[in-house]
Each structure stands twice: as structure tokens, then as C-alpha cells.
Amino acid sequence: MQHNKCPNCGATVFSQPITDDNQPQVIIHCEYCGSQFNVQNPFYRPEPVVHTTTFSSYSTTYTYSNISPRKSGGWRNAKDREHKVARFLGYAIGGLMAPFVLGMWFVSFSKPKDLPVEVTAILTGLMLFFFFLARASGKELKRRRIEGEIM
């Protein structure tokens, strides 16, 4: 329940006007002095702005719009199949790189400096990127499974 002050008599008016969510303001009737005044609608939701571009090519017309059916959020917009592939490839590539990178660290700190440490550090970061990518995809799939988005 929303309360407003009447600008005419100063009384607090407790009334919840019944309105749609497409009206930015509503009219309130004061119960004491009978005056009417406008207030902001707490349920107002403006229409989304749609930008439409039309392209014509010979006899075909294409119309593109900026409204997408999925929620915004980038990583969460990926399909389940894409997350499953990212999880599998991340663990597979990261797992194949792990012994190679470990061997590179031994070579980097051996007596004759055959391999610069910077190269080993960069490849270690790349390996960790694949592991973290796989882990993030796994967590997103688990979240979807818990929320019932995956059957």
C-alpha cells in the first residue's frame, strides 16, 4: 500500500490506485477534501526501445531488430551444448598441457638455461585458462541443472 500527501489539504492519503504498468502517472483522489492529484506509478514499466534496420537486396528484404529472446549476460547466454564442449575441451587440452608445462618448468630451472622462464610462465597461464574455462562451464551447467533449465 502506498501513501501520498495531498497537496491541497496536507492529509496523508492511503490508497493504491489500480492501474496498468504502462501508465507513468496515476490520479489519486483525496479522501478528506475530495481533490485529485497525480503521482508516479510505482508499477510503471516503460516499453523497450526497439531499433530496427531494414536492408534490401534485389528482391529480398531483411529486417534485423535488437531484441533478443535470451537474457543478457554473455557467458550465461551460451547454449548447453556449447558449455559441455567448452568443459570437455578445457579439461582435455589443459590435462594434455599439464605434463608438458611441468617438464618445461624443470628445463627452465636446469643448469644450462635452455628455455626462458617467461615462455614457461605464458604457457602455464594458457594451461590454467583452459582449466578455468572448463570449470566455469561446469559450474554454469550445474547452476542450470539445479534451477531446472536442463532436463
Protein backbone atom coordinates (compact mmCIF):
# COMPACT_ATOMS: atom_id res chain seq x y z
CA MET A 1 0.00 0.00 0.00
CA GLN A 2 1.35 3.39 -0.98
CA HIS A 3 0.67 6.61 0.90
CA ASN A 4 0.85 10.13 -0.52
CA LYS A 5 0.32 13.62 0.88
CA CYS A 6 -2.49 15.66 -0.59
CA PRO A 7 -1.11 18.98 -1.93
CA ASN A 8 -4.43 20.70 -1.15
CA CYS A 9 -5.13 19.79 2.49
CA GLY A 10 -1.87 18.03 3.51
CA ALA A 11 -3.61 14.85 4.64
CA THR A 12 -1.93 11.52 4.14
CA VAL A 13 -3.91 9.57 1.62
CA PHE A 14 -3.60 5.79 1.81
CA SER A 15 -4.85 4.46 -1.48
CA GLN A 16 -3.46 2.13 -4.06
CA PRO A 17 -4.79 3.08 -7.48
CA ILE A 18 -5.48 0.21 -9.82
CA THR A 19 -3.54 0.93 -12.99
CA ASP A 20 -1.67 -0.80 -15.75
CA ASP A 21 2.09 -0.90 -15.80
CA ASN A 22 2.19 1.22 -18.98
CA GLN A 23 0.99 4.49 -17.36
CA PRO A 24 3.77 6.66 -15.91
CA GLN A 25 1.43 8.65 -13.63
CA VAL A 26 -1.84 7.89 -11.85
CA ILE A 27 -4.59 10.10 -10.43
CA ILE A 28 -5.20 9.91 -6.67
CA HIS A 29 -8.46 11.09 -5.06
CA CYS A 30 -8.11 12.65 -1.61
CA GLU A 31 -10.49 11.00 0.85
CA TYR A 32 -10.71 14.14 3.01
CA CYS A 33 -11.05 17.19 0.75
CA GLY A 34 -12.07 15.47 -2.49
CA SER A 35 -9.28 16.93 -4.62
CA GLN A 36 -7.37 14.99 -7.24
CA PHE A 37 -3.62 14.96 -7.87
CA ASN A 38 -1.10 12.99 -9.95
CA VAL A 39 1.64 10.74 -8.52
CA GLN A 40 4.25 8.48 -10.09
CA ASN A 41 3.02 4.96 -10.80
CA PRO A 42 5.19 2.52 -8.77
CA PHE A 43 4.39 -0.29 -11.22
CA TYR A 44 5.35 1.66 -14.35
CA ARG A 45 7.50 -0.32 -16.80
CA PRO A 46 8.41 1.58 -19.98
CA GLU A 47 8.23 -0.20 -23.31
CA PRO A 48 11.64 -1.44 -24.53
CA VAL A 49 13.13 0.65 -27.29
CA VAL A 50 13.38 -1.36 -30.49
CA HIS A 51 15.87 -0.31 -33.12
CA THR A 52 15.03 -1.93 -36.42
CA THR A 53 17.21 -1.85 -39.51
CA THR A 54 15.88 -2.91 -42.90
CA PHE A 55 18.18 -4.00 -45.70
CA SER A 56 17.07 -4.64 -49.26
CA SER A 57 19.00 -6.85 -51.61
CA TYR A 58 17.48 -7.27 -55.06
CA SER A 59 14.02 -8.64 -54.33
CA THR A 60 14.60 -9.77 -50.71
CA THR A 61 14.15 -7.53 -47.67
CA TYR A 62 15.84 -8.39 -44.38
CA THR A 63 14.78 -6.83 -41.08
CA TYR A 64 17.02 -7.01 -38.02
CA SER A 65 15.97 -5.98 -34.55
CA ASN A 66 17.98 -5.52 -31.35
CA ILE A 67 15.60 -7.52 -29.13
CA SER A 68 16.88 -10.99 -28.32
CA PRO A 69 14.81 -13.71 -26.68
CA ARG A 70 17.57 -14.66 -24.23
CA LYS A 71 18.67 -12.81 -21.14
CA SER A 72 21.70 -10.56 -21.30
CA GLY A 73 24.89 -11.67 -19.66
CA GLY A 74 27.26 -13.04 -22.32
CA TRP A 75 28.61 -16.21 -20.72
CA ARG A 76 25.21 -17.27 -19.45
CA ASN A 77 23.71 -16.85 -22.93
CA ALA A 78 25.73 -19.77 -24.29
CA LYS A 79 23.75 -22.90 -25.06
CA ASP A 80 24.10 -26.07 -23.00
CA ARG A 81 25.90 -27.82 -25.85
CA GLU A 82 28.48 -25.01 -26.02
CA HIS A 83 29.13 -25.23 -22.28
CA LYS A 84 29.51 -29.02 -22.50
CA VAL A 85 32.01 -28.70 -25.37
CA ALA A 86 33.93 -25.96 -23.54
CA ARG A 87 34.07 -28.08 -20.38
CA PHE A 88 35.30 -31.18 -22.24
CA LEU A 89 37.88 -29.36 -24.38
CA GLY A 90 39.09 -27.26 -21.45
CA TYR A 91 39.83 -30.28 -19.29
CA ALA A 92 41.25 -32.25 -22.23
CA ILE A 93 43.59 -29.53 -23.50
CA GLY A 94 44.56 -28.42 -20.00
CA GLY A 95 45.21 -32.03 -18.97
CA LEU A 96 47.37 -32.67 -22.03
CA MET A 97 49.32 -29.46 -21.44
CA ALA A 98 49.95 -30.10 -17.71
CA PRO A 99 52.81 -32.65 -18.04
CA PHE A 100 54.33 -30.64 -20.88
CA VAL A 101 54.31 -27.42 -18.81
CA LEU A 102 55.66 -29.25 -15.75
CA GLY A 103 58.55 -30.54 -17.84
CA MET A 104 59.15 -27.03 -19.15
CA TRP A 105 59.48 -25.73 -15.59
CA PHE A 106 62.18 -28.35 -14.87
CA VAL A 107 64.03 -27.37 -18.05
CA SER A 108 63.71 -23.64 -17.21
CA PHE A 109 65.48 -24.09 -13.87
CA SER A 110 68.13 -26.56 -15.03
CA LYS A 111 71.81 -25.54 -15.06
CA PRO A 112 72.19 -24.69 -18.72
CA LYS A 113 69.39 -22.18 -19.29
CA ASP A 114 67.88 -23.72 -22.43
CA LEU A 115 64.40 -22.21 -22.00
CA PRO A 116 63.45 -18.74 -20.73
CA VAL A 117 61.15 -18.67 -17.71
CA GLU A 118 58.83 -16.17 -19.45
CA VAL A 119 57.86 -18.73 -22.11
CA THR A 120 57.08 -21.31 -19.43
CA ALA A 121 55.02 -18.77 -17.46
CA ILE A 122 52.98 -17.84 -20.56
CA LEU A 123 52.23 -21.50 -21.34
CA THR A 124 51.32 -22.09 -17.69
CA GLY A 125 48.84 -19.23 -17.90
CA LEU A 126 47.38 -20.70 -21.09
CA MET A 127 47.01 -24.10 -19.43
CA LEU A 128 45.29 -22.53 -16.40
CA PHE A 129 42.98 -20.60 -18.74
CA PHE A 130 41.74 -23.89 -20.22
CA PHE A 131 41.20 -25.40 -16.77
CA PHE A 132 39.30 -22.34 -15.51
CA LEU A 133 37.22 -22.21 -18.69
CA ALA A 134 36.22 -25.84 -18.16
CA ARG A 135 35.46 -25.21 -14.50
CA ALA A 136 33.30 -22.13 -15.28
CA SER A 137 31.32 -24.10 -17.88
CA GLY A 138 30.83 -26.92 -15.40
CA LYS A 139 29.54 -24.51 -12.75
CA GLU A 140 27.13 -22.91 -15.21
CA LEU A 141 25.78 -26.33 -16.25
CA LYS A 142 25.38 -27.26 -12.58
CA ARG A 143 23.51 -23.98 -11.89
CA ARG A 144 21.18 -24.67 -14.82
CA ARG A 145 20.59 -28.24 -13.64
CA ILE A 146 19.70 -27.02 -10.12
CA GLU A 147 17.36 -24.31 -11.43
CA GLY A 148 15.70 -26.81 -13.74
CA GLU A 149 16.82 -25.25 -17.01
CA ILE A 150 18.43 -28.51 -18.19
CA MET A 151 16.33 -31.60 -18.49
